[in-house]
């Protein structure tokens, strides 16, 4: 009879941004949290967050493309 040793590796759950969301969700606190967020792989190559601007109570929000490589380095 042959016995095999099997090693079971526990998989870590995927990392999310949930741990970076501040308890008090004001616009300034979320802006600061976004600077430190490592909830996905974007933080490894990105250099800055683009948070946007405009009226806080706007009825419409337009979301555009992220900065390109050259823009991110500025």
Protein backbone atom coordinates (compact mmCIF):
# COMPACT_ATOMS: atom_id res chain seq x y z
CA UNK A 1 0.00 0.00 0.00
CA UNK A 2 1.38 3.43 -0.99
CA UNK A 3 0.72 6.55 1.06
CA UNK A 4 1.02 10.04 -0.34
CA UNK A 5 1.60 13.11 1.72
CA UNK A 6 -0.75 15.86 0.58
CA UNK A 7 -0.21 19.45 1.58
CA UNK A 8 -3.29 21.65 1.49
CA UNK A 9 -2.60 25.33 1.05
CA UNK A 10 -5.14 27.76 2.42
CA UNK A 11 -6.11 30.37 -0.13
CA UNK A 12 -6.31 33.94 1.04
CA UNK A 13 -9.46 35.80 0.12
CA UNK A 14 -8.89 38.40 -2.61
CA UNK A 15 -7.87 41.80 -1.29
CA UNK A 16 -10.53 44.50 -1.55
CA UNK A 17 -10.72 48.21 -0.87
CA UNK A 18 -13.19 47.62 1.99
CA UNK A 19 -10.52 47.93 4.69
CA UNK A 20 -9.49 51.36 3.34
CA UNK A 21 -12.97 52.92 3.47
CA UNK A 22 -13.11 55.32 6.44
CA UNK A 23 -15.85 54.93 9.04
CA UNK A 24 -16.81 58.58 8.65
CA UNK A 25 -17.44 58.87 4.92
CA UNK A 26 -17.00 62.53 4.17
CA UNK A 27 -15.58 63.70 0.86
CA UNK A 28 -12.27 64.81 2.45
CA UNK A 29 -11.83 61.54 4.41
CA UNK A 30 -12.55 59.38 1.34
CA UNK A 31 -10.12 61.50 -0.73
CA UNK A 32 -7.38 60.87 1.87
CA UNK A 33 -8.20 57.14 2.06
CA UNK A 34 -7.93 56.85 -1.73
CA UNK A 35 -4.31 58.07 -1.56
CA UNK A 36 -3.33 55.10 0.64
CA UNK A 37 -5.58 52.43 -0.89
CA UNK A 38 -3.97 49.12 -1.89
CA UNK A 39 -7.25 47.26 -2.46
CA UNK A 40 -6.29 46.18 -6.00
CA UNK A 41 -3.14 46.01 -8.11
CA UNK A 42 -3.43 49.60 -9.43
CA UNK A 43 -1.40 50.91 -6.49
CA UNK A 44 1.70 49.02 -7.69
CA UNK A 45 2.05 51.08 -10.89
CA UNK A 46 -0.09 54.19 -10.29
CA UNK A 47 1.51 57.23 -8.71
CA UNK A 48 -1.49 59.39 -7.85
CA UNK A 49 -5.23 59.24 -7.37
CA UNK A 50 -7.57 61.28 -9.53
CA UNK A 51 -10.45 62.27 -7.33
CA UNK A 52 -12.27 64.79 -9.50
CA UNK A 53 -14.07 67.98 -8.66
CA UNK A 54 -17.46 69.60 -8.95
CA UNK A 55 -20.67 70.21 -7.04
CA UNK A 56 -21.14 67.86 -4.06
CA UNK A 57 -24.86 67.47 -4.69
CA UNK A 58 -24.78 67.21 -8.48
CA UNK A 59 -27.62 65.26 -10.07
CA UNK A 60 -25.33 63.86 -12.78
CA UNK A 61 -21.76 62.57 -12.53
CA UNK A 62 -19.59 61.90 -15.58
CA UNK A 63 -16.79 59.37 -15.20
CA UNK A 64 -13.97 59.54 -17.72
CA UNK A 65 -10.90 57.53 -18.53
CA UNK A 66 -8.04 57.17 -16.07
CA UNK A 67 -4.81 59.15 -16.64
CA UNK A 68 -2.35 57.71 -19.14
CA UNK A 69 1.19 56.65 -18.20
CA UNK A 70 2.75 60.07 -18.90
CA UNK A 71 -0.03 61.95 -17.07
CA UNK A 72 0.31 59.75 -13.99
CA UNK A 73 4.02 60.60 -13.66
CA UNK A 74 3.34 64.36 -13.43
